[in-house]
N, C-alpha and C. Protein backbone atom coordinates (compact mmCIF):
# COMPACT_ATOMS: atom_id res chain seq x y z
N MET A 1 0.87 -1.52 0.17
CA MET A 1 -0.08 -0.03 0.03
C MET A 1 0.87 1.30 -0.19
N PRO A 2 1.01 1.86 -0.87
CA PRO A 2 1.74 3.11 -0.80
C PRO A 2 1.35 4.58 0.33
N THR A 3 2.65 4.89 0.86
CA THR A 3 2.48 6.08 1.72
C THR A 3 2.43 7.27 1.27
N GLY A 4 3.07 7.31 -0.12
CA GLY A 4 3.02 8.88 0.04
C GLY A 4 4.73 9.53 0.08
N LYS A 5 5.44 8.23 0.87
CA LYS A 5 6.81 8.83 1.25
C LYS A 5 7.78 8.11 0.31
N ALA A 6 8.62 9.01 -0.60
CA ALA A 6 9.53 8.67 -1.29
C ALA A 6 10.43 7.34 -0.94
N ILE A 7 10.92 6.74 -1.35
CA ILE A 7 11.61 5.19 -1.40
C ILE A 7 13.27 5.85 -1.78
N GLY A 8 14.42 4.90 -1.49
CA GLY A 8 15.56 4.82 -2.29
C GLY A 8 16.38 6.25 -1.69
N LEU A 9 16.96 6.88 -2.95
CA LEU A 9 17.75 7.43 -2.71
C LEU A 9 17.06 9.00 -2.55
N LEU A 10 15.77 9.03 -3.24
CA LEU A 10 14.77 10.37 -2.81
C LEU A 10 14.39 10.51 -1.26
N GLY A 11 14.06 9.18 -0.49
CA GLY A 11 13.58 8.88 0.76
C GLY A 11 14.80 9.28 1.25
N LEU A 12 15.77 8.94 1.13
CA LEU A 12 17.35 9.04 1.77
C LEU A 12 17.34 10.68 1.96
N ALA A 13 17.30 11.67 0.89
CA ALA A 13 17.12 12.92 0.67
C ALA A 13 16.23 13.53 1.52
N ASP A 14 14.90 12.89 1.50
CA ASP A 14 13.88 13.37 2.01
C ASP A 14 13.26 14.29 1.14
N VAL A 15 13.20 13.84 -0.17
CA VAL A 15 12.55 14.81 -1.04
C VAL A 15 11.71 14.30 -2.18
N THR A 16 10.51 14.52 -2.88
CA THR A 16 9.74 14.03 -3.25
C THR A 16 10.14 13.76 -4.58
N PRO A 17 9.81 12.92 -5.68
CA PRO A 17 10.29 13.01 -7.06
C PRO A 17 9.87 14.11 -7.82
N TYR A 18 10.91 14.96 -8.81
CA TYR A 18 10.62 16.45 -9.20
C TYR A 18 9.65 16.15 -9.98
N GLN A 19 8.48 17.25 -9.80
CA GLN A 19 7.54 17.49 -10.70
C GLN A 19 7.66 18.51 -11.81
N GLU A 20 7.80 18.38 -12.89
CA GLU A 20 8.35 19.28 -14.11
C GLU A 20 7.23 20.26 -14.46
N LYS A 21 7.58 21.21 -14.53
CA LYS A 21 6.47 21.89 -15.31
C LYS A 21 6.27 22.27 -16.66
N SER A 22 5.07 22.37 -17.27
CA SER A 22 5.26 22.06 -18.76
C SER A 22 6.17 23.15 -19.73
N ASP A 23 6.32 24.60 -18.98
CA ASP A 23 6.73 25.56 -19.76
C ASP A 23 8.65 25.78 -19.09
N GLU A 24 9.22 24.89 -18.18
CA GLU A 24 10.09 24.44 -17.69
C GLU A 24 11.41 24.39 -18.59
N GLU A 25 12.47 25.03 -18.22
CA GLU A 25 13.80 24.74 -19.12
C GLU A 25 14.61 23.25 -18.53
N TYR A 26 14.85 22.67 -19.08
CA TYR A 26 15.52 21.42 -18.58
C TYR A 26 16.73 21.95 -17.73
N MET A 27 17.02 21.51 -16.50
CA MET A 27 18.06 21.41 -15.83
C MET A 27 18.53 22.81 -15.44
N ASN A 28 17.37 23.47 -15.21
CA ASN A 28 17.39 24.76 -14.42
C ASN A 28 17.39 24.91 -13.02
N ASP A 29 17.71 26.07 -12.12
CA ASP A 29 18.16 25.90 -10.77
C ASP A 29 17.85 25.07 -9.97
N ALA A 30 16.22 24.96 -9.85
CA ALA A 30 15.47 24.06 -9.05
C ALA A 30 15.89 22.42 -9.20
N GLN A 31 16.08 22.36 -10.45
CA GLN A 31 16.50 20.89 -10.70
C GLN A 31 17.60 20.59 -10.40
N MET A 32 18.51 21.55 -10.53
CA MET A 32 20.04 21.49 -9.94
C MET A 32 20.17 21.20 -8.83
N ASN A 33 19.53 22.20 -7.51
CA ASN A 33 19.46 21.91 -6.43
C ASN A 33 18.59 20.72 -6.00
N HIS A 34 17.78 20.40 -6.83
CA HIS A 34 17.12 19.09 -6.63
C HIS A 34 18.14 18.04 -6.29
N PHE A 35 18.74 17.81 -7.42
CA PHE A 35 19.84 16.92 -7.55
C PHE A 35 21.00 17.00 -6.72
N ARG A 36 21.48 18.08 -6.38
CA ARG A 36 22.59 18.32 -5.44
C ARG A 36 22.07 17.95 -4.12
N LEU A 37 20.97 18.38 -3.57
CA LEU A 37 20.45 17.63 -2.39
C LEU A 37 20.40 16.18 -2.49
N ILE A 38 20.05 15.67 -3.42
CA ILE A 38 19.98 13.97 -3.47
C ILE A 38 21.65 13.47 -3.51
N LEU A 39 22.31 13.94 -4.30
CA LEU A 39 23.80 13.70 -4.19
C LEU A 39 24.22 13.71 -2.75
N LYS A 40 24.13 15.22 -2.36
CA LYS A 40 24.72 15.30 -0.76
C LYS A 40 24.26 14.15 0.29
N ALA A 41 23.15 14.14 0.18
CA ALA A 41 22.64 13.06 0.94
C ALA A 41 23.16 11.71 0.80
N TRP A 42 23.45 11.24 -0.28
CA TRP A 42 23.98 9.83 -0.67
C TRP A 42 25.20 10.07 -0.27
N ARG A 43 25.88 10.99 -0.41
CA ARG A 43 27.28 10.63 0.00
C ARG A 43 27.43 10.95 1.33
N ASN A 44 26.80 11.69 2.35
CA ASN A 44 26.77 11.68 4.06
C ASN A 44 26.33 10.38 4.19
N GLN A 45 25.43 9.87 3.35
CA GLN A 45 25.02 8.29 4.10
C GLN A 45 26.09 7.33 3.96
N LEU A 46 26.92 7.66 2.60
CA LEU A 46 28.04 6.50 2.77
C LEU A 46 29.12 7.01 3.58
N ARG A 47 29.27 7.97 3.65
CA ARG A 47 30.15 8.47 4.60
C ARG A 47 30.21 7.82 6.10
N MET A 48 28.78 7.67 6.49
CA MET A 48 28.60 7.47 7.89
C MET A 48 28.57 5.95 7.66
N GLU A 49 28.59 5.39 6.55
CA GLU A 49 28.84 3.69 6.45
C GLU A 49 30.37 3.59 7.08
N VAL A 50 31.00 4.47 6.18
CA VAL A 50 32.37 4.12 6.10
C VAL A 50 33.11 4.49 7.94
N ASP A 51 32.30 5.11 8.22
CA ASP A 51 32.54 5.59 9.78
C ASP A 51 32.24 4.33 10.54
N ARG A 52 31.14 4.09 10.46
CA ARG A 52 30.35 2.77 11.30
C ARG A 52 31.61 1.52 10.97
N THR A 53 31.95 1.35 9.93
CA THR A 53 32.78 0.16 9.42
C THR A 53 34.26 0.41 10.36
N VAL A 54 34.73 1.63 10.24
CA VAL A 54 36.11 1.58 10.86
C VAL A 54 35.57 1.55 12.40
N HIS A 55 34.76 2.01 13.02
CA HIS A 55 34.47 1.93 14.70
C HIS A 55 33.99 0.31 14.57
N HIS A 56 33.58 -0.33 14.27
CA HIS A 56 33.08 -1.52 14.20
C HIS A 56 34.08 -2.47 13.72
N MET A 57 35.28 -2.18 13.28
CA MET A 57 36.22 -3.14 13.05
C MET A 57 37.03 -2.97 14.24
N LYS A 58 37.30 -1.29 14.83
CA LYS A 58 38.04 -1.58 16.03
C LYS A 58 37.69 -1.85 17.55
N GLU A 59 36.08 -1.96 17.33
CA GLU A 59 35.56 -2.76 18.50
C GLU A 59 35.45 -3.85 18.68
N GLU A 60 35.51 -4.49 17.39
CA GLU A 60 35.33 -6.02 17.31
C GLU A 60 36.57 -6.95 16.95
N ALA A 61 37.55 -5.99 16.48
CA ALA A 61 38.95 -6.69 16.45
C ALA A 61 39.26 -7.62 17.95
N ALA A 62 39.49 -9.15 17.33
CA ALA A 62 39.97 -9.81 18.83
C ALA A 62 40.78 -10.75 18.02
N ASN A 63 41.74 -11.20 18.64
CA ASN A 63 42.80 -12.10 18.26
C ASN A 63 42.17 -13.40 19.00
N PHE A 64 41.31 -14.21 18.46
CA PHE A 64 40.26 -15.60 18.73
C PHE A 64 41.60 -16.59 18.87
N PRO A 65 41.53 -17.85 20.07
CA PRO A 65 42.47 -18.71 20.01
C PRO A 65 42.04 -19.43 19.00
N ASP A 66 40.67 -19.88 18.87
CA ASP A 66 40.14 -21.09 17.80
C ASP A 66 40.55 -20.12 16.41
N PRO A 67 41.09 -21.02 15.72
CA PRO A 67 41.31 -20.66 14.13
C PRO A 67 40.21 -20.35 13.10
N VAL A 68 39.06 -21.09 13.68
CA VAL A 68 37.58 -21.11 13.06
C VAL A 68 37.37 -19.65 12.93
N ASP A 69 37.11 -19.48 14.62
CA ASP A 69 36.77 -17.99 15.02
C ASP A 69 37.44 -17.23 14.01
N ARG A 70 38.61 -17.19 14.42
CA ARG A 70 39.50 -16.05 13.79
C ARG A 70 39.18 -15.94 11.95
N ALA A 71 38.96 -17.07 11.44
CA ALA A 71 39.13 -17.03 9.96
C ALA A 71 37.99 -16.31 9.94
N ALA A 72 36.37 -16.94 10.40
CA ALA A 72 35.37 -16.30 10.13
C ALA A 72 35.36 -14.72 10.64
N GLN A 73 36.20 -14.06 11.79
CA GLN A 73 36.10 -12.42 11.70
C GLN A 73 36.61 -11.76 10.56
N GLU A 74 37.86 -12.36 10.34
CA GLU A 74 38.70 -11.92 9.29
C GLU A 74 37.77 -11.88 8.08
N GLU A 75 36.99 -13.06 7.46
CA GLU A 75 35.96 -13.02 6.46
C GLU A 75 35.05 -11.97 6.29
N GLU A 76 34.44 -11.68 7.66
CA GLU A 76 33.50 -10.71 7.91
C GLU A 76 34.16 -9.53 7.15
N PHE A 77 35.34 -9.17 7.93
CA PHE A 77 36.25 -7.86 7.85
C PHE A 77 36.35 -7.68 6.29
N SER A 78 36.72 -8.80 5.62
CA SER A 78 36.92 -8.59 4.49
C SER A 78 36.26 -8.38 3.37
N LEU A 79 34.92 -9.12 3.79
CA LEU A 79 33.64 -8.87 2.84
C LEU A 79 33.14 -7.15 3.23
N GLU A 80 33.24 -6.38 4.62
CA GLU A 80 33.06 -5.14 4.67
C GLU A 80 33.90 -4.23 4.56
N LEU A 81 35.18 -4.75 3.93
CA LEU A 81 36.14 -3.83 3.39
C LEU A 81 36.12 -3.83 1.73
N ARG A 82 35.63 -4.61 1.29
CA ARG A 82 35.12 -4.57 -0.21
C ARG A 82 34.04 -3.73 -0.53
N ALA A 83 32.98 -4.03 0.62
CA ALA A 83 31.93 -3.19 0.31
C ALA A 83 32.09 -1.63 0.52
N ARG A 84 33.10 -1.47 1.62
CA ARG A 84 33.44 -0.03 1.54
C ARG A 84 34.46 0.59 0.46
N ASP A 85 35.31 -0.29 0.30
CA ASP A 85 35.85 -0.24 -1.11
C ASP A 85 34.99 0.30 -2.29
N ARG A 86 33.93 0.02 -2.48
CA ARG A 86 33.34 -0.04 -3.72
C ARG A 86 32.22 1.49 -3.48
N GLU A 87 31.79 1.56 -2.02
CA GLU A 87 31.33 2.77 -1.64
C GLU A 87 32.42 3.74 -1.97
N ARG A 88 33.82 3.51 -1.45
CA ARG A 88 34.67 4.87 -1.74
C ARG A 88 34.84 5.35 -3.38
N LYS A 89 34.86 4.53 -4.29
CA LYS A 89 34.65 4.61 -5.42
C LYS A 89 33.24 5.24 -6.08
N LEU A 90 32.39 4.97 -5.19
CA LEU A 90 31.07 5.75 -5.39
C LEU A 90 31.00 7.18 -4.97
N ILE A 91 31.60 7.26 -3.55
CA ILE A 91 31.93 8.68 -3.24
C ILE A 91 32.64 9.51 -4.44
N LYS A 92 33.68 8.72 -5.04
CA LYS A 92 34.35 9.65 -5.78
C LYS A 92 33.59 10.24 -7.04
N LYS A 93 32.68 9.30 -7.66
CA LYS A 93 31.86 9.59 -8.48
C LYS A 93 30.86 10.56 -8.19
N ILE A 94 30.17 10.29 -7.28
CA ILE A 94 29.48 11.68 -6.43
C ILE A 94 30.12 12.88 -6.49
N GLU A 95 31.20 12.83 -5.99
CA GLU A 95 32.20 14.13 -6.12
C GLU A 95 32.10 14.91 -7.73
N LYS A 96 32.24 13.77 -8.66
CA LYS A 96 32.68 14.03 -9.99
C LYS A 96 31.12 14.81 -10.51
N THR A 97 30.07 14.29 -10.17
CA THR A 97 28.62 14.76 -10.35
C THR A 97 28.34 16.09 -9.84
N LEU A 98 28.95 16.61 -8.36
CA LEU A 98 28.52 17.70 -7.89
C LEU A 98 29.25 18.54 -8.26
N LYS A 99 30.41 17.87 -9.07
CA LYS A 99 31.45 19.31 -9.66
C LYS A 99 31.06 19.71 -11.08
N ARG A 100 30.30 18.27 -12.20
CA ARG A 100 29.31 18.60 -13.26
C ARG A 100 28.27 19.93 -12.75
N ILE A 101 27.83 19.89 -11.73
CA ILE A 101 26.53 20.39 -11.26
C ILE A 101 26.75 22.04 -11.32
N GLU A 102 28.00 22.35 -10.80
CA GLU A 102 28.70 23.23 -10.30
C GLU A 102 29.05 23.83 -11.37
N GLU A 103 29.49 23.18 -12.58
CA GLU A 103 30.06 23.60 -13.94
C GLU A 103 28.86 23.33 -14.91
N ASP A 104 27.52 23.60 -14.48
CA ASP A 104 26.49 23.48 -15.43
C ASP A 104 26.68 22.27 -16.73
N ASP A 105 27.13 21.39 -16.09
CA ASP A 105 27.43 20.17 -16.76
C ASP A 105 26.82 18.92 -17.07
N PHE A 106 25.65 19.21 -15.78
CA PHE A 106 25.02 17.81 -15.19
C PHE A 106 23.52 17.81 -16.38
N GLY A 107 23.57 16.49 -16.85
CA GLY A 107 22.31 16.36 -16.84
C GLY A 107 22.22 15.88 -18.69
N PHE A 108 23.10 16.17 -19.23
CA PHE A 108 22.79 15.60 -20.70
C PHE A 108 23.96 14.34 -20.59
N CYS A 109 23.60 13.67 -21.79
CA CYS A 109 24.79 12.63 -22.07
C CYS A 109 26.05 13.19 -22.85
N ASP A 110 27.09 12.16 -22.24
CA ASP A 110 28.69 12.59 -22.57
C ASP A 110 29.06 12.44 -23.75
N THR A 111 27.89 11.34 -24.33
CA THR A 111 28.29 10.61 -25.60
C THR A 111 27.47 11.64 -26.97
N CYS A 112 26.38 11.61 -26.72
CA CYS A 112 25.57 12.16 -27.88
C CYS A 112 25.12 13.73 -27.50
N GLY A 113 25.22 14.06 -26.34
CA GLY A 113 24.54 15.44 -25.87
C GLY A 113 23.30 15.64 -25.97
N ILE A 114 22.48 14.93 -25.66
CA ILE A 114 20.91 15.11 -25.62
C ILE A 114 20.58 14.62 -24.01
N GLU A 115 19.42 15.29 -23.39
CA GLU A 115 19.07 15.48 -22.17
C GLU A 115 19.14 13.84 -21.87
N ILE A 116 19.40 13.30 -20.45
CA ILE A 116 19.34 12.15 -20.04
C ILE A 116 17.92 12.11 -19.33
N GLY A 117 17.33 13.16 -18.99
CA GLY A 117 16.07 12.89 -18.17
C GLY A 117 16.14 12.98 -16.62
N ILE A 118 15.32 13.54 -16.28
CA ILE A 118 14.94 13.68 -14.76
C ILE A 118 14.57 12.24 -14.33
N ARG A 119 13.75 11.69 -14.54
CA ARG A 119 13.55 10.47 -13.88
C ARG A 119 14.61 9.32 -14.02
N ARG A 120 15.50 9.28 -15.38
CA ARG A 120 16.70 8.47 -15.20
C ARG A 120 17.80 8.97 -13.90
N LEU A 121 17.87 10.15 -13.95
CA LEU A 121 18.79 10.81 -12.96
C LEU A 121 18.23 10.79 -11.37
N GLU A 122 17.24 10.76 -11.47
CA GLU A 122 16.44 10.53 -10.22
C GLU A 122 16.68 8.95 -9.69
N ALA A 123 16.80 8.01 -10.63
CA ALA A 123 17.12 6.73 -10.11
C ALA A 123 18.73 6.54 -9.89
N ARG A 124 19.49 6.91 -11.10
CA ARG A 124 20.69 6.88 -11.01
C ARG A 124 21.54 8.20 -10.83
N PRO A 125 21.48 9.31 -10.18
CA PRO A 125 21.97 10.62 -10.17
C PRO A 125 23.28 10.77 -10.72
N THR A 126 24.20 9.71 -10.94
CA THR A 126 25.59 9.74 -11.08
C THR A 126 25.66 9.43 -12.79
N ALA A 127 24.41 9.14 -13.30
CA ALA A 127 24.56 8.90 -14.82
C ALA A 127 25.14 9.89 -15.76
N ASP A 128 25.93 9.35 -16.44
CA ASP A 128 26.38 10.21 -17.81
C ASP A 128 26.11 9.89 -18.99
N MET A 129 25.60 9.26 -19.30
CA MET A 129 24.87 8.54 -20.55
C MET A 129 23.10 8.59 -20.71
N CYS A 130 22.69 8.85 -21.62
CA CYS A 130 21.40 8.72 -22.00
C CYS A 130 21.07 6.81 -21.86
N ILE A 131 19.77 6.85 -21.92
CA ILE A 131 19.65 5.04 -21.91
C ILE A 131 20.21 4.88 -23.02
N ASP A 132 19.96 5.20 -24.15
CA ASP A 132 20.13 4.60 -25.65
C ASP A 132 21.96 4.30 -25.45
N CYS A 133 22.55 5.75 -25.15
CA CYS A 133 24.18 5.41 -25.38
C CYS A 133 24.52 4.22 -24.32
N LYS A 134 23.77 4.39 -23.05
CA LYS A 134 24.26 3.05 -21.95
C LYS A 134 24.08 1.82 -22.63
N THR A 135 23.07 1.74 -23.41
CA THR A 135 22.46 0.34 -23.61
C THR A 135 23.44 -0.07 -25.00
N LEU A 136 23.79 0.77 -25.59
CA LEU A 136 24.76 0.58 -26.46
C LEU A 136 26.33 0.22 -25.95
N ALA A 137 26.79 1.12 -25.07
CA ALA A 137 27.99 0.92 -24.66
C ALA A 137 28.16 -0.68 -23.81
N GLU A 138 27.19 -1.01 -23.17
CA GLU A 138 27.01 -2.43 -22.44
C GLU A 138 26.88 -3.60 -23.41
N ILE A 139 26.30 -3.32 -24.93
CA ILE A 139 26.25 -4.33 -25.55
C ILE A 139 27.68 -4.44 -25.91
N LYS A 140 28.23 -3.22 -26.58
CA LYS A 140 29.58 -3.40 -26.66
C LYS A 140 30.68 -4.21 -25.98
N GLU A 141 30.36 -3.67 -24.69
CA GLU A 141 31.57 -4.28 -23.64
C GLU A 141 31.02 -5.96 -23.62
N LYS A 142 29.62 -6.21 -23.77
CA LYS A 142 29.09 -7.68 -23.39
C LYS A 142 30.06 -8.51 -24.99
N GLN A 143 30.06 -7.91 -25.79
CA GLN A 143 30.43 -8.22 -27.49
C GLN A 143 31.88 -8.71 -27.06
N LEU A 144 32.54 -7.49 -26.52
CA LEU A 144 34.17 -7.69 -26.29
C LEU A 144 34.50 -8.69 -25.15
N GLN A 145 33.89 -8.78 -24.15
CA GLN A 145 33.90 -10.14 -23.31
C GLN A 145 33.99 -11.50 -23.79
N GLY A 146 33.09 -11.52 -25.12
CA GLY A 146 33.32 -12.68 -25.38
C GLY A 146 32.14 -13.73 -25.74
């Protein structure tokens, strides 16, 4: 049952889906601010996860006498560090996207130059290709892999 509350990144930023007006210019100040809020909230959430992991690893680190317990803890830490590494790369991508907003270079496809679209950007604010160019890039990548 719908609650009217936004989920995902929009919920994280406590914003609702952007409602475009009929005579509104694409990527105007209001839209840029909308995405700036989403990206900053996402970045802050990822940074809190990094801090939580550091704290967790410091608190939970123990030298277990049982090799199985020690191996289990090392595997848990390894998985956590891998996840944080992916998040670190995502934070860099978010920073790059925020810079593009500041430079008024946000919302347009890097490959063909057309509008990426508000809904696609709300789903993936770091998108730098329109759906058609991204689909073609993924097909090419798949063909090159074999």
